[in-house]
Amino acid sequence: MITPTEPQLRAALAQFASARIEHDVRPNGVTSQALDDATYTLCVMTGSRTVEEALLAADALMEQYSAGRVGGCVKDKTLAA
């Protein structure tokens, strides 16, 4: 699996959330297709087979991304001279 970047993952999660809400509010063929597309994208990005697994994997990835930051900044892995 190629790991998505943080912005890519955030965009996929936002798209999934938007599609889920829209489908819950107005279920029809269009919203169903949008939800299926968003679910598929999230599953592919996380290497998962179900949306539940994909969301858990996305949460784990987001924690890894957050662990790399201190005070909202990305940690610099170079040593000071």
PDB file of N, CA and C in Angstrom:
ATOM      1  N   MET A   1       0.845  -1.184   0.000  1.00  0.00           N
ATOM      2  CA  MET A   1       0.000   0.000   0.000  1.00  0.00           C
ATOM      3  C   MET A   1       0.888   1.244   0.000  1.00  0.00           C
ATOM      4  N   ILE A   2       0.569   2.186  -0.838  1.00  0.00           N
ATOM      5  CA  ILE A   2       1.239   3.477  -0.838  1.00  0.00           C
ATOM      6  C   ILE A   2       0.501   4.348   0.168  1.00  0.00           C
ATOM      7  N   THR A   3       1.225   4.852   1.143  1.00  0.00           N
ATOM      8  CA  THR A   3       0.608   5.647   2.199  1.00  0.00           C
ATOM      9  C   THR A   3       0.236   7.029   1.671  1.00  0.00           C
ATOM     10  N   PRO A   4      -1.019   7.434   1.878  1.00  0.00           N
ATOM     11  CA  PRO A   4      -1.423   8.773   1.416  1.00  0.00           C
ATOM     12  C   PRO A   4      -0.780   9.851   2.275  1.00  0.00           C
ATOM     13  N   THR A   5      -0.630  11.018   1.691  1.00  0.00           N
ATOM     14  CA  THR A   5      -0.153  12.145   2.480  1.00  0.00           C
ATOM     15  C   THR A   5      -1.275  12.594   3.413  1.00  0.00           C
ATOM     16  N   GLU A   6      -0.922  13.366   4.388  1.00  0.00           N
ATOM     17  CA  GLU A   6      -1.939  13.856   5.319  1.00  0.00           C
ATOM     18  C   GLU A   6      -3.032  14.661   4.606  1.00  0.00           C
ATOM     19  N   PRO A   7      -2.687  15.591   3.715  1.00  0.00           N
ATOM     20  CA  PRO A   7      -3.749  16.331   3.013  1.00  0.00           C
ATOM     21  C   PRO A   7      -4.643  15.428   2.165  1.00  0.00           C
ATOM     22  N   GLN A   8      -4.060  14.420   1.524  1.00  0.00           N
ATOM     23  CA  GLN A   8      -4.865  13.490   0.734  1.00  0.00           C
ATOM     24  C   GLN A   8      -5.841  12.723   1.621  1.00  0.00           C
ATOM     25  N   LEU A   9      -5.349  12.259   2.756  1.00  0.00           N
ATOM     26  CA  LEU A   9      -6.198  11.503   3.682  1.00  0.00           C
ATOM     27  C   LEU A   9      -7.290  12.388   4.264  1.00  0.00           C
ATOM     28  N   ARG A  10      -6.926  13.598   4.645  1.00  0.00           N
ATOM     29  CA  ARG A  10      -7.939  14.534   5.167  1.00  0.00           C
ATOM     30  C   ARG A  10      -9.021  14.816   4.130  1.00  0.00           C
ATOM     31  N   ALA A  11      -8.621  14.990   2.881  1.00  0.00           N
ATOM     32  CA  ALA A  11      -9.590  15.249   1.815  1.00  0.00           C
ATOM     33  C   ALA A  11     -10.515  14.049   1.620  1.00  0.00           C
ATOM     34  N   ALA A  12      -9.963  12.844   1.649  1.00  0.00           N
ATOM     35  CA  ALA A  12     -10.777  11.638   1.485  1.00  0.00           C
ATOM     36  C   ALA A  12     -11.743  11.472   2.655  1.00  0.00           C
ATOM     37  N   LEU A  13     -11.290  11.759   3.863  1.00  0.00           N
ATOM     38  CA  LEU A  13     -12.166  11.668   5.035  1.00  0.00           C
ATOM     39  C   LEU A  13     -13.277  12.715   4.967  1.00  0.00           C
ATOM     40  N   ALA A  14     -12.935  13.915   4.531  1.00  0.00           N
ATOM     41  CA  ALA A  14     -13.944  14.974   4.401  1.00  0.00           C
ATOM     42  C   ALA A  14     -14.970  14.609   3.336  1.00  0.00           C
ATOM     43  N   GLN A  15     -14.497  14.063   2.222  1.00  0.00           N
ATOM     44  CA  GLN A  15     -15.399  13.650   1.147  1.00  0.00           C
ATOM     45  C   GLN A  15     -16.331  12.539   1.624  1.00  0.00           C
ATOM     46  N   PHE A  16     -15.774  11.584   2.373  1.00  0.00           N
ATOM     47  CA  PHE A  16     -16.597  10.494   2.899  1.00  0.00           C
ATOM     48  C   PHE A  16     -17.648  11.035   3.865  1.00  0.00           C
ATOM     49  N   ALA A  17     -17.234  11.910   4.773  1.00  0.00           N
ATOM     50  CA  ALA A  17     -18.170  12.474   5.755  1.00  0.00           C
ATOM     51  C   ALA A  17     -19.283  13.247   5.054  1.00  0.00           C
ATOM     52  N   SER A  18     -18.914  14.049   4.075  1.00  0.00           N
ATOM     53  CA  SER A  18     -19.906  14.828   3.338  1.00  0.00           C
ATOM     54  C   SER A  18     -20.891  13.913   2.607  1.00  0.00           C
ATOM     55  N   ALA A  19     -20.371  12.889   1.951  1.00  0.00           N
ATOM     56  CA  ALA A  19     -21.228  11.951   1.220  1.00  0.00           C
ATOM     57  C   ALA A  19     -22.134  11.170   2.168  1.00  0.00           C
ATOM     58  N   ARG A  20     -21.594  10.793   3.319  1.00  0.00           N
ATOM     59  CA  ARG A  20     -22.388  10.048   4.307  1.00  0.00           C
ATOM     60  C   ARG A  20     -23.545  10.903   4.808  1.00  0.00           C
ATOM     61  N   ILE A  21     -23.258  12.155   5.141  1.00  0.00           N
ATOM     62  CA  ILE A  21     -24.297  13.055   5.647  1.00  0.00           C
ATOM     63  C   ILE A  21     -25.339  13.315   4.572  1.00  0.00           C
ATOM     64  N   GLU A  22     -24.890  13.628   3.363  1.00  0.00           N
ATOM     65  CA  GLU A  22     -25.821  13.912   2.268  1.00  0.00           C
ATOM     66  C   GLU A  22     -26.723  12.708   1.998  1.00  0.00           C
ATOM     67  N   HIS A  23     -26.154  11.522   2.027  1.00  0.00           N
ATOM     68  CA  HIS A  23     -26.953  10.319   1.777  1.00  0.00           C
ATOM     69  C   HIS A  23     -27.935  10.059   2.920  1.00  0.00           C
ATOM     70  N   ASP A  24     -27.516  10.335   4.142  1.00  0.00           N
ATOM     71  CA  ASP A  24     -28.423  10.154   5.285  1.00  0.00           C
ATOM     72  C   ASP A  24     -29.595  11.131   5.224  1.00  0.00           C
ATOM     73  N   VAL A  25     -29.328  12.356   4.744  1.00  0.00           N
ATOM     74  CA  VAL A  25     -30.364  13.389   4.679  1.00  0.00           C
ATOM     75  C   VAL A  25     -31.292  13.173   3.490  1.00  0.00           C
ATOM     76  N   ARG A  26     -30.710  12.898   2.316  1.00  0.00           N
ATOM     77  CA  ARG A  26     -31.501  12.740   1.088  1.00  0.00           C
ATOM     78  C   ARG A  26     -31.044  11.499   0.326  1.00  0.00           C
ATOM     79  N   PRO A  27     -31.436  10.316   0.801  1.00  0.00           N
ATOM     80  CA  PRO A  27     -30.974   9.106   0.110  1.00  0.00           C
ATOM     81  C   PRO A  27     -31.600   8.979  -1.280  1.00  0.00           C
ATOM     82  N   ASN A  28     -30.749   8.880  -2.278  1.00  0.00           N
ATOM     83  CA  ASN A  28     -31.198   8.643  -3.650  1.00  0.00           C
ATOM     84  C   ASN A  28     -30.026   8.043  -4.423  1.00  0.00           C
ATOM     85  N   GLY A  29     -30.224   7.803  -5.684  1.00  0.00           N
ATOM     86  CA  GLY A  29     -29.187   7.175  -6.500  1.00  0.00           C
ATOM     87  C   GLY A  29     -27.904   7.979  -6.581  1.00  0.00           C
ATOM     88  N   VAL A  30     -28.043   9.292  -6.655  1.00  0.00           N
ATOM     89  CA  VAL A  30     -26.863  10.163  -6.761  1.00  0.00           C
ATOM     90  C   VAL A  30     -26.056  10.142  -5.461  1.00  0.00           C
ATOM     91  N   THR A  31     -26.750  10.280  -4.335  1.00  0.00           N
ATOM     92  CA  THR A  31     -26.030  10.289  -3.051  1.00  0.00           C
ATOM     93  C   THR A  31     -25.462   8.910  -2.733  1.00  0.00           C
ATOM     94  N   SER A  32     -26.161   7.875  -3.159  1.00  0.00           N
ATOM     95  CA  SER A  32     -25.666   6.518  -2.963  1.00  0.00           C
ATOM     96  C   SER A  32     -24.374   6.296  -3.741  1.00  0.00           C
ATOM     97  N   GLN A  33     -24.334   6.760  -4.982  1.00  0.00           N
ATOM     98  CA  GLN A  33     -23.135   6.622  -5.805  1.00  0.00           C
ATOM     99  C   GLN A  33     -21.977   7.434  -5.233  1.00  0.00           C
ATOM    100  N   ALA A  34     -22.268   8.645  -4.768  1.00  0.00           N
ATOM    101  CA  ALA A  34     -21.226   9.489  -4.170  1.00  0.00           C
ATOM    102  C   ALA A  34     -20.655   8.818  -2.921  1.00  0.00           C
ATOM    103  N   LEU A  35     -21.521   8.212  -2.108  1.00  0.00           N
ATOM    104  CA  LEU A  35     -21.057   7.513  -0.910  1.00  0.00           C
ATOM    105  C   LEU A  35     -20.234   6.288  -1.295  1.00  0.00           C
ATOM    106  N   ASP A  36     -20.681   5.538  -2.284  1.00  0.00           N
ATOM    107  CA  ASP A  36     -19.911   4.379  -2.748  1.00  0.00           C
ATOM    108  C   ASP A  36     -18.533   4.802  -3.248  1.00  0.00           C
ATOM    109  N   ASP A  37     -18.470   5.887  -4.006  1.00  0.00           N
ATOM    110  CA  ASP A  37     -17.193   6.378  -4.532  1.00  0.00           C
ATOM    111  C   ASP A  37     -16.255   6.813  -3.404  1.00  0.00           C
ATOM    112  N   ALA A  38     -16.803   7.551  -2.449  1.00  0.00           N
ATOM    113  CA  ALA A  38     -15.983   8.028  -1.330  1.00  0.00           C
ATOM    114  C   ALA A  38     -15.499   6.861  -0.473  1.00  0.00           C
ATOM    115  N   THR A  39     -16.363   5.885  -0.280  1.00  0.00           N
ATOM    116  CA  THR A  39     -15.992   4.693   0.499  1.00  0.00           C
ATOM    117  C   THR A  39     -14.886   3.925  -0.213  1.00  0.00           C
ATOM    118  N   TYR A  40     -15.035   3.738  -1.513  1.00  0.00           N
ATOM    119  CA  TYR A  40     -14.028   3.037  -2.303  1.00  0.00           C
ATOM    120  C   TYR A  40     -12.677   3.744  -2.205  1.00  0.00           C
ATOM    121  N   THR A  41     -12.677   5.049  -2.381  1.00  0.00           N
ATOM    122  CA  THR A  41     -11.436   5.819  -2.315  1.00  0.00           C
ATOM    123  C   THR A  41     -10.757   5.653  -0.961  1.00  0.00           C
ATOM    124  N   LEU A  42     -11.534   5.761   0.112  1.00  0.00           N
ATOM    125  CA  LEU A  42     -10.979   5.630   1.456  1.00  0.00           C
ATOM    126  C   LEU A  42     -10.429   4.223   1.680  1.00  0.00           C
ATOM    127  N   CYS A  43     -11.140   3.214   1.195  1.00  0.00           N
ATOM    128  CA  CYS A  43     -10.667   1.835   1.341  1.00  0.00           C
ATOM    129  C   CYS A  43      -9.365   1.609   0.579  1.00  0.00           C
ATOM    130  N   VAL A  44      -9.285   2.121  -0.632  1.00  0.00           N
ATOM    131  CA  VAL A  44      -8.060   1.960  -1.429  1.00  0.00           C
ATOM    132  C   VAL A  44      -6.894   2.682  -0.756  1.00  0.00           C
ATOM    133  N   MET A  45      -7.138   3.900  -0.296  1.00  0.00           N
ATOM    134  CA  MET A  45      -6.071   4.684   0.346  1.00  0.00           C
ATOM    135  C   MET A  45      -5.507   4.004   1.584  1.00  0.00           C
ATOM    136  N   THR A  46      -6.352   3.294   2.310  1.00  0.00           N
ATOM    137  CA  THR A  46      -5.929   2.681   3.569  1.00  0.00           C
ATOM    138  C   THR A  46      -5.649   1.191   3.441  1.00  0.00           C
ATOM    139  N   GLY A  47      -5.873   0.633   2.253  1.00  0.00           N
ATOM    140  CA  GLY A  47      -5.641  -0.797   2.056  1.00  0.00           C
ATOM    141  C   GLY A  47      -6.631  -1.652   2.816  1.00  0.00           C
ATOM    142  N   SER A  48      -7.860  -1.178   2.937  1.00  0.00           N
ATOM    143  CA  SER A  48      -8.886  -1.859   3.725  1.00  0.00           C
ATOM    144  C   SER A  48      -9.971  -2.443   2.838  1.00  0.00           C
ATOM    145  N   ARG A  49     -10.715  -3.403   3.406  1.00  0.00           N
ATOM    146  CA  ARG A  49     -11.801  -4.042   2.652  1.00  0.00           C
ATOM    147  C   ARG A  49     -13.176  -3.526   3.040  1.00  0.00           C
ATOM    148  N   THR A  50     -13.285  -2.932   4.219  1.00  0.00           N
ATOM    149  CA  THR A  50     -14.576  -2.398   4.660  1.00  0.00           C
ATOM    150  C   THR A  50     -14.394  -0.957   5.101  1.00  0.00           C
ATOM    151  N   VAL A  51     -15.491  -0.224   5.129  1.00  0.00           N
ATOM    152  CA  VAL A  51     -15.411   1.172   5.554  1.00  0.00           C
ATOM    153  C   VAL A  51     -15.011   1.254   7.027  1.00  0.00           C
ATOM    154  N   GLU A  52     -15.450   0.300   7.825  1.00  0.00           N
ATOM    155  CA  GLU A  52     -15.080   0.303   9.245  1.00  0.00           C
ATOM    156  C   GLU A  52     -13.573   0.161   9.403  1.00  0.00           C
ATOM    157  N   GLU A  53     -12.989  -0.786   8.654  1.00  0.00           N
ATOM    158  CA  GLU A  53     -11.531  -0.970   8.695  1.00  0.00           C
ATOM    159  C   GLU A  53     -10.815   0.278   8.168  1.00  0.00           C
ATOM    160  N   ALA A  54     -11.363   0.864   7.119  1.00  0.00           N
ATOM    161  CA  ALA A  54     -10.746   2.051   6.522  1.00  0.00           C
ATOM    162  C   ALA A  54     -10.732   3.217   7.497  1.00  0.00           C
ATOM    163  N   LEU A  55     -11.822   3.405   8.217  1.00  0.00           N
ATOM    164  CA  LEU A  55     -11.875   4.502   9.185  1.00  0.00           C
ATOM    165  C   LEU A  55     -10.907   4.276  10.340  1.00  0.00           C
ATOM    166  N   LEU A  56     -10.790   3.039  10.788  1.00  0.00           N
ATOM    167  CA  LEU A  56      -9.817   2.726  11.847  1.00  0.00           C
ATOM    168  C   LEU A  56      -8.388   2.963  11.347  1.00  0.00           C
ATOM    169  N   ALA A  57      -8.116   2.529  10.132  1.00  0.00           N
ATOM    170  CA  ALA A  57      -6.782   2.731   9.563  1.00  0.00           C
ATOM    171  C   ALA A  57      -6.492   4.220   9.373  1.00  0.00           C
ATOM    172  N   ALA A  58      -7.491   4.969   8.927  1.00  0.00           N
ATOM    173  CA  ALA A  58      -7.324   6.412   8.743  1.00  0.00           C
ATOM    174  C   ALA A  58      -7.045   7.094  10.083  1.00  0.00           C
ATOM    175  N   ASP A  59      -7.756   6.681  11.122  1.00  0.00           N
ATOM    176  CA  ASP A  59      -7.498   7.238  12.456  1.00  0.00           C
ATOM    177  C   ASP A  59      -6.063   6.960  12.889  1.00  0.00           C
ATOM    178  N   ALA A  60      -5.586   5.739  12.642  1.00  0.00           N
ATOM    179  CA  ALA A  60      -4.213   5.388  13.019  1.00  0.00           C
ATOM    180  C   ALA A  60      -3.205   6.229  12.240  1.00  0.00           C
ATOM    181  N   LEU A  61      -3.456   6.411  10.949  1.00  0.00           N
ATOM    182  CA  LEU A  61      -2.560   7.249  10.151  1.00  0.00           C
ATOM    183  C   LEU A  61      -2.563   8.695  10.639  1.00  0.00           C
ATOM    184  N   MET A  62      -3.745   9.215  10.962  1.00  0.00           N
ATOM    185  CA  MET A  62      -3.826  10.595  11.444  1.00  0.00           C
ATOM    186  C   MET A  62      -3.075  10.745  12.768  1.00  0.00           C
ATOM    187  N   GLU A  63      -3.110   9.727  13.609  1.00  0.00           N
ATOM    188  CA  GLU A  63      -2.339   9.775  14.861  1.00  0.00           C
ATOM    189  C   GLU A  63      -0.847   9.811  14.563  1.00  0.00           C
ATOM    190  N   GLN A  64      -0.420   9.032  13.575  1.00  0.00           N
ATOM    191  CA  GLN A  64       0.999   9.055  13.192  1.00  0.00           C
ATOM    192  C   GLN A  64       1.400  10.427  12.680  1.00  0.00           C
ATOM    193  N   TYR A  65       0.534  11.040  11.870  1.00  0.00           N
ATOM    194  CA  TYR A  65       0.835  12.375  11.365  1.00  0.00           C
ATOM    195  C   TYR A  65       0.898  13.375  12.516  1.00  0.00           C
ATOM    196  N   SER A  66      -0.017  13.270  13.464  1.00  0.00           N
ATOM    197  CA  SER A  66      -0.035  14.180  14.608  1.00  0.00           C
ATOM    198  C   SER A  66       1.185  13.984  15.494  1.00  0.00           C
ATOM    199  N   ALA A  67       1.647  12.756  15.620  1.00  0.00           N
ATOM    200  CA  ALA A  67       2.813  12.468  16.455  1.00  0.00           C
ATOM    201  C   ALA A  67       4.066  13.122  15.895  1.00  0.00           C
ATOM    202  N   GLY A  68       4.066  13.407  14.607  1.00  0.00           N
ATOM    203  CA  GLY A  68       5.221  14.036  13.978  1.00  0.00           C
ATOM    204  C   GLY A  68       5.269  15.537  14.145  1.00  0.00           C
ATOM    205  N   ARG A  69       4.268  16.097  14.839  1.00  0.00           N
ATOM    206  CA  ARG A  69       4.199  17.551  15.030  1.00  0.00           C
ATOM    207  C   ARG A  69       4.296  17.902  16.507  1.00  0.00           C
ATOM    208  N   VAL A  70       4.887  19.054  16.764  1.00  0.00           N
ATOM    209  CA  VAL A  70       4.920  19.601  18.116  1.00  0.00           C
ATOM    210  C   VAL A  70       4.418  21.023  18.022  1.00  0.00           C
ATOM    211  N   GLY A  71       3.361  21.344  18.730  1.00  0.00           N
ATOM    212  CA  GLY A  71       2.827  22.700  18.706  1.00  0.00           C
ATOM    213  C   GLY A  71       2.369  23.138  17.326  1.00  0.00           C
ATOM    214  N   GLY A  72       1.884  22.181  16.520  1.00  0.00           N
ATOM    215  CA  GLY A  72       1.380  22.514  15.196  1.00  0.00           C
ATOM    216  C   GLY A  72       2.449  22.609  14.130  1.00  0.00           C
ATOM    217  N   CYS A  73       3.717  22.365  14.491  1.00  0.00           N
ATOM    218  CA  CYS A  73       4.808  22.413  13.526  1.00  0.00           C
ATOM    219  C   CYS A  73       5.348  21.004  13.312  1.00  0.00           C
ATOM    220  N   VAL A  74       5.844  20.756  12.128  1.00  0.00           N
ATOM    221  CA  VAL A  74       6.452  19.470  11.843  1.00  0.00           C
ATOM    222  C   VAL A  74       7.830  19.442  12.485  1.00  0.00           C
ATOM    223  N   LYS A  75       8.142  18.325  13.171  1.00  0.00           N
ATOM    224  CA  LYS A  75       9.445  18.180  13.793  1.00  0.00           C
ATOM    225  C   LYS A  75      10.530  18.130  12.731  1.00  0.00           C
ATOM    226  N   ASP A  76      11.606  18.828  12.972  1.00  0.00           N
ATOM    227  CA  ASP A  76      12.751  18.771  12.082  1.00  0.00           C
ATOM    228  C   ASP A  76      13.657  17.646  12.582  1.00  0.00           C
ATOM    229  N   LYS A  77      13.931  16.683  11.731  1.00  0.00           N
ATOM    230  CA  LYS A  77      14.711  15.527  12.140  1.00  0.00           C
ATOM    231  C   LYS A  77      16.219  15.741  11.985  1.00  0.00           C
ATOM    232  N   THR A  78      16.638  16.934  11.568  1.00  0.00           N
ATOM    233  CA  THR A  78      18.060  17.189  11.447  1.00  0.00           C
ATOM    234  C   THR A  78      18.609  17.628  12.797  1.00  0.00           C
ATOM    235  N   LEU A  79      19.854  17.351  13.000  1.00  0.00           N
ATOM    236  CA  LEU A  79      20.502  17.726  14.253  1.00  0.00           C
ATOM    237  C   LEU A  79      21.070  19.133  14.136  1.00  0.00           C
ATOM    238  N   ALA A  80      20.963  19.876  15.217  1.00  0.00           N
ATOM    239  CA  ALA A  80      21.533  21.225  15.229  1.00  0.00           C
ATOM    240  C   ALA A  80      23.047  21.101  15.323  1.00  0.00           C
ATOM    241  N   ALA A  81      23.769  21.964  14.640  1.00  0.00           N
ATOM    242  CA  ALA A  81      25.230  21.902  14.654  1.00  0.00           C
ATOM    243  C   ALA A  81      25.776  22.707  15.795  1.00  0.00           C
TER     244      ALA A  81
END
